[in-house]
Amino acid sequence: MYWYRTDAMLDAIRQKNHRNKDDGKDPLHVAYAEIVARYPSLYEFPPCHGIRVTSANLAGTLVRKDAIDVSSMQTIASNCGKLFCFGLVGDKIAPMCPTNEI
């Protein structure tokens, strides 16, 4: 009887974890939606899809989502050239100037 309860509990946990994976919510998209909702003027800059955040393409310091300075982001973007986008490192935003285009 003990094993039955353990297996049932384990199956319930597996099903819950499986459903969470199937939600299809990319953390970058969730963070980007939150940023754009809070700072609409940053909508012009896309999220960085398929580009890994590295020291070579990082254009500033990592910033908390609720502490973004819009004017500094626009200044960084104007200095970037062709492409400026946002990456995600943990739960902080990484302003990026990737060298190769998306």
Protein backbone atom coordinates (compact mmCIF):
# COMPACT_ATOMS: atom_id res chain seq x y z
CA MET A 1 0.00 0.00 0.00
CA TYR A 2 2.86 2.39 0.73
CA TRP A 3 4.40 1.86 -2.72
CA TYR A 4 1.08 2.55 -4.38
CA ARG A 5 0.80 5.93 -2.69
CA THR A 6 4.39 6.81 -3.56
CA ASP A 7 3.92 5.85 -7.21
CA ALA A 8 0.66 7.81 -7.43
CA MET A 9 2.36 10.85 -5.93
CA LEU A 10 5.31 10.47 -8.29
CA ASP A 11 2.97 10.15 -11.29
CA ALA A 12 1.10 13.30 -10.23
CA ILE A 13 4.38 15.21 -9.94
CA ARG A 14 5.51 13.98 -13.37
CA GLN A 15 2.22 14.99 -14.97
CA LYS A 16 2.40 18.45 -13.42
CA ASN A 17 5.98 18.95 -14.60
CA HIS A 18 5.04 17.73 -18.06
CA ARG A 19 2.21 20.27 -18.26
CA ASN A 20 4.54 23.08 -17.19
CA LYS A 21 6.94 22.23 -20.00
CA ASP A 22 4.11 22.25 -22.52
CA ASP A 23 2.98 25.76 -21.63
CA GLY A 24 5.23 27.04 -24.42
CA LYS A 25 6.16 30.21 -22.61
CA ASP A 26 9.71 31.18 -23.41
CA PRO A 27 11.25 33.11 -20.47
CA LEU A 28 12.65 35.68 -22.92
CA HIS A 29 9.18 36.33 -24.36
CA VAL A 30 7.67 36.65 -20.89
CA ALA A 31 10.38 39.11 -19.81
CA TYR A 32 10.10 41.07 -23.07
CA ALA A 33 6.32 41.34 -22.71
CA GLU A 34 6.76 42.63 -19.18
CA ILE A 35 9.34 45.20 -20.30
CA VAL A 36 7.22 46.47 -23.18
CA ALA A 37 4.15 46.69 -20.95
CA ARG A 38 6.10 48.75 -18.42
CA TYR A 39 8.15 50.79 -20.94
CA PRO A 40 6.23 51.03 -24.25
CA SER A 41 8.96 53.05 -25.98
CA LEU A 42 11.27 50.00 -25.85
CA TYR A 43 8.97 48.08 -28.19
CA GLU A 44 11.11 49.16 -31.14
CA PHE A 45 13.94 46.93 -29.90
CA PRO A 46 13.38 43.16 -30.35
CA PRO A 47 14.34 40.29 -28.07
CA CYS A 48 17.50 38.43 -29.10
CA HIS A 49 16.42 35.04 -30.41
CA GLY A 50 19.10 32.41 -30.78
CA ILE A 51 21.91 34.70 -29.67
CA ARG A 52 23.81 33.80 -26.53
CA VAL A 53 24.72 36.62 -24.17
CA THR A 54 28.50 36.97 -24.00
CA SER A 55 30.89 39.67 -22.87
CA ALA A 56 31.63 40.38 -26.54
CA ASN A 57 28.05 41.29 -27.42
CA LEU A 58 26.90 42.74 -24.09
CA ALA A 59 26.35 46.48 -24.55
CA GLY A 60 25.94 47.50 -20.95
CA THR A 61 25.36 46.08 -17.53
CA LEU A 62 22.67 43.58 -16.63
CA VAL A 63 19.53 45.38 -15.50
CA ARG A 64 16.56 44.29 -13.41
CA LYS A 65 13.30 44.32 -15.37
CA ASP A 66 11.76 46.87 -13.04
CA ALA A 67 14.76 49.22 -13.05
CA ILE A 68 15.35 49.91 -16.74
CA ASP A 69 16.40 53.44 -17.68
CA VAL A 70 14.75 54.03 -21.05
CA SER A 71 16.99 56.92 -22.07
CA SER A 72 20.17 54.95 -21.39
CA MET A 73 18.80 51.99 -23.41
CA GLN A 74 18.05 54.32 -26.32
CA THR A 75 21.55 55.79 -26.09
CA ILE A 76 23.10 52.31 -26.10
CA ALA A 77 20.92 51.38 -29.08
CA SER A 78 22.01 54.45 -31.04
CA ASN A 79 25.66 53.55 -30.40
CA CYS A 80 25.10 49.94 -31.46
CA GLY A 81 24.69 50.51 -35.15
CA LYS A 82 22.42 48.14 -37.05
CA LEU A 83 21.20 45.77 -34.38
CA PHE A 84 20.25 46.24 -30.75
CA CYS A 85 18.22 43.67 -28.86
CA PHE A 86 17.47 42.38 -25.39
CA GLY A 87 18.71 39.11 -23.96
CA LEU A 88 17.96 37.43 -20.68
CA VAL A 89 20.42 36.28 -18.04
CA GLY A 90 18.56 34.69 -15.16
CA ASP A 91 15.90 37.25 -14.40
CA LYS A 92 17.92 40.27 -15.53
CA ILE A 93 17.86 41.97 -18.91
CA ALA A 94 21.01 42.12 -21.02
CA PRO A 95 21.23 44.93 -23.59
CA MET A 96 23.08 43.45 -26.55
CA CYS A 97 24.77 44.54 -29.77
CA PRO A 98 25.31 41.24 -31.59
CA THR A 99 27.91 41.35 -34.33
CA ASN A 100 26.07 38.94 -36.60
CA GLU A 101 22.50 39.71 -37.62
CA ILE A 102 19.53 37.69 -36.43
